[in-house]
Amino acid sequence: MKTENLIAIEEICTHHNIEFSFIRSLQEMGLIEVFTKEESSFVEHDQLPVLEKYIEFHYRLDINLEGIEVINHLLGQISSLQKEVNSLKNKLHFYETL
């Protein structure tokens, strides 16, 4: 793992004016992955949009951690169903062109 792909949690907390305990709770629930290096905590750069979505849910929409977990699960199911629909559309299109 390259350090340039990591963002310090301290910077995220300062930028978004949130508590470190919120990010730790997300990690404990398995919603994000936190890395520790030299006594500092980091998240990978590609996790930042997801983390910011959770911050929005919690701090602006006042959704608790359990609600965020449910929303995350439902969004995953929607994504899976969308992929399945696209696959079925492609198969249908194939048979329509025969």
C-alpha atoms as a PDB file:
ATOM      1  CA  MET A   1       0.000   0.000   0.000  1.00  0.00           C
ATOM      2  CA  LYS A   2       1.461   3.331  -1.058  1.00  0.00           C
ATOM      3  CA  THR A   3       1.348   6.201   1.398  1.00  0.00           C
ATOM      4  CA  GLU A   4       0.316   8.677  -1.316  1.00  0.00           C
ATOM      5  CA  ASN A   5      -2.996   6.796  -1.560  1.00  0.00           C
ATOM      6  CA  LEU A   6      -3.691   7.387   2.130  1.00  0.00           C
ATOM      7  CA  ILE A   7      -5.465  10.322   3.741  1.00  0.00           C
ATOM      8  CA  ALA A   8      -4.961  11.081   7.419  1.00  0.00           C
ATOM      9  CA  ILE A   9      -8.129  10.726   9.444  1.00  0.00           C
ATOM     10  CA  GLU A  10      -7.074  13.745  11.468  1.00  0.00           C
ATOM     11  CA  GLU A  11      -7.227  15.859   8.285  1.00  0.00           C
ATOM     12  CA  ILE A  12     -10.657  14.467   7.403  1.00  0.00           C
ATOM     13  CA  CYS A  13     -11.976  15.193  10.889  1.00  0.00           C
ATOM     14  CA  THR A  14     -10.607  18.741  10.809  1.00  0.00           C
ATOM     15  CA  HIS A  15     -11.899  19.431   7.303  1.00  0.00           C
ATOM     16  CA  HIS A  16     -15.408  18.117   8.005  1.00  0.00           C
ATOM     17  CA  ASN A  17     -15.474  19.216  11.668  1.00  0.00           C
ATOM     18  CA  ILE A  18     -16.341  15.716  12.890  1.00  0.00           C
ATOM     19  CA  GLU A  19     -15.188  13.514  15.745  1.00  0.00           C
ATOM     20  CA  PHE A  20     -12.624  10.753  15.309  1.00  0.00           C
ATOM     21  CA  SER A  21     -14.936   8.422  17.244  1.00  0.00           C
ATOM     22  CA  PHE A  22     -17.435   8.551  14.356  1.00  0.00           C
ATOM     23  CA  ILE A  23     -14.849   7.182  11.936  1.00  0.00           C
ATOM     24  CA  ARG A  24     -13.750   4.590  14.486  1.00  0.00           C
ATOM     25  CA  SER A  25     -17.399   3.486  14.821  1.00  0.00           C
ATOM     26  CA  LEU A  26     -17.700   3.143  11.036  1.00  0.00           C
ATOM     27  CA  GLN A  27     -14.582   0.989  11.092  1.00  0.00           C
ATOM     28  CA  GLU A  28     -15.936  -1.197  13.902  1.00  0.00           C
ATOM     29  CA  MET A  29     -19.119  -1.764  11.887  1.00  0.00           C
ATOM     30  CA  GLY A  30     -17.039  -2.775   8.859  1.00  0.00           C
ATOM     31  CA  LEU A  31     -18.230   0.136   6.727  1.00  0.00           C
ATOM     32  CA  ILE A  32     -14.747   1.554   6.106  1.00  0.00           C
ATOM     33  CA  GLU A  33     -11.210   0.278   6.489  1.00  0.00           C
ATOM     34  CA  VAL A  34      -8.768   2.262   8.619  1.00  0.00           C
ATOM     35  CA  PHE A  35      -5.016   1.744   8.445  1.00  0.00           C
ATOM     36  CA  THR A  36      -2.608   2.622  11.215  1.00  0.00           C
ATOM     37  CA  LYS A  37       0.927   3.650  10.387  1.00  0.00           C
ATOM     38  CA  GLU A  38       3.395   5.197  12.800  1.00  0.00           C
ATOM     39  CA  GLU A  39       0.655   5.846  15.387  1.00  0.00           C
ATOM     40  CA  SER A  40      -1.515   7.752  12.875  1.00  0.00           C
ATOM     41  CA  SER A  41      -4.724   6.521  11.286  1.00  0.00           C
ATOM     42  CA  PHE A  42      -5.491   6.722   7.575  1.00  0.00           C
ATOM     43  CA  VAL A  43      -8.081   5.741   4.998  1.00  0.00           C
ATOM     44  CA  GLU A  44      -7.384   4.968   1.370  1.00  0.00           C
ATOM     45  CA  HIS A  45      -8.113   7.757  -1.091  1.00  0.00           C
ATOM     46  CA  ASP A  46     -10.736   5.697  -2.953  1.00  0.00           C
ATOM     47  CA  GLN A  47     -12.762   5.305   0.287  1.00  0.00           C
ATOM     48  CA  LEU A  48     -13.113   9.065   0.691  1.00  0.00           C
ATOM     49  CA  PRO A  49     -16.349   9.465  -1.356  1.00  0.00           C
ATOM     50  CA  VAL A  50     -18.008   6.695   0.659  1.00  0.00           C
ATOM     51  CA  LEU A  51     -16.781   8.176   3.930  1.00  0.00           C
ATOM     52  CA  GLU A  52     -18.073  11.614   2.922  1.00  0.00           C
ATOM     53  CA  LYS A  53     -21.446  10.050   2.098  1.00  0.00           C
ATOM     54  CA  TYR A  54     -21.581   8.546   5.600  1.00  0.00           C
ATOM     55  CA  ILE A  55     -20.606  11.916   7.098  1.00  0.00           C
ATOM     56  CA  GLU A  56     -23.453  13.531   5.161  1.00  0.00           C
ATOM     57  CA  PHE A  57     -25.925  10.892   6.366  1.00  0.00           C
ATOM     58  CA  HIS A  58     -24.903  11.222   9.993  1.00  0.00           C
ATOM     59  CA  TYR A  59     -24.160  14.897  10.521  1.00  0.00           C
ATOM     60  CA  ARG A  60     -26.482  16.594   8.050  1.00  0.00           C
ATOM     61  CA  LEU A  61     -29.372  14.122   7.866  1.00  0.00           C
ATOM     62  CA  ASP A  62     -29.061  12.951  11.502  1.00  0.00           C
ATOM     63  CA  ILE A  63     -29.040   9.244  10.610  1.00  0.00           C
ATOM     64  CA  ASN A  64     -27.564   7.003  13.298  1.00  0.00           C
ATOM     65  CA  LEU A  65     -24.865   4.407  12.630  1.00  0.00           C
ATOM     66  CA  GLU A  66     -27.336   1.544  12.444  1.00  0.00           C
ATOM     67  CA  GLY A  67     -29.334   3.489   9.864  1.00  0.00           C
ATOM     68  CA  ILE A  68     -26.179   4.109   7.844  1.00  0.00           C
ATOM     69  CA  GLU A  69     -25.458   0.376   7.922  1.00  0.00           C
ATOM     70  CA  VAL A  70     -28.978  -0.382   6.651  1.00  0.00           C
ATOM     71  CA  ILE A  71     -28.715   2.256   3.915  1.00  0.00           C
ATOM     72  CA  ASN A  72     -25.346   0.849   2.845  1.00  0.00           C
ATOM     73  CA  HIS A  73     -26.825  -2.666   2.664  1.00  0.00           C
ATOM     74  CA  LEU A  74     -29.838  -1.491   0.655  1.00  0.00           C
ATOM     75  CA  LEU A  75     -27.658   0.493  -1.761  1.00  0.00           C
ATOM     76  CA  GLY A  76     -25.577  -2.643  -2.288  1.00  0.00           C
ATOM     77  CA  GLN A  77     -28.708  -4.626  -3.072  1.00  0.00           C
ATOM     78  CA  ILE A  78     -29.904  -1.952  -5.506  1.00  0.00           C
ATOM     79  CA  SER A  79     -26.542  -2.010  -7.273  1.00  0.00           C
ATOM     80  CA  SER A  80     -26.669  -5.791  -7.528  1.00  0.00           C
ATOM     81  CA  LEU A  81     -30.196  -5.696  -8.907  1.00  0.00           C
ATOM     82  CA  GLN A  82     -29.237  -3.026 -11.444  1.00  0.00           C
ATOM     83  CA  LYS A  83     -26.403  -5.240 -12.682  1.00  0.00           C
ATOM     84  CA  GLU A  84     -28.797  -8.172 -12.960  1.00  0.00           C
ATOM     85  CA  VAL A  85     -31.332  -6.076 -14.905  1.00  0.00           C
ATOM     86  CA  ASN A  86     -28.616  -4.904 -17.291  1.00  0.00           C
ATOM     87  CA  SER A  87     -27.462  -8.470 -17.818  1.00  0.00           C
ATOM     88  CA  LEU A  88     -31.018  -9.601 -18.538  1.00  0.00           C
ATOM     89  CA  LYS A  89     -31.531  -6.677 -20.938  1.00  0.00           C
ATOM     90  CA  ASN A  90     -28.380  -7.667 -22.803  1.00  0.00           C
ATOM     91  CA  LYS A  91     -29.574 -11.260 -23.073  1.00  0.00           C
ATOM     92  CA  LEU A  92     -32.995 -10.127 -24.245  1.00  0.00           C
ATOM     93  CA  HIS A  93     -31.424  -7.828 -26.825  1.00  0.00           C
ATOM     94  CA  PHE A  94     -29.291 -10.731 -28.061  1.00  0.00           C
ATOM     95  CA  TYR A  95     -32.346 -12.951 -28.592  1.00  0.00           C
ATOM     96  CA  GLU A  96     -34.350 -10.148 -30.185  1.00  0.00           C
ATOM     97  CA  THR A  97     -31.669  -9.674 -32.855  1.00  0.00           C
ATOM     98  CA  LEU A  98     -31.663 -13.348 -33.878  1.00  0.00           C
END
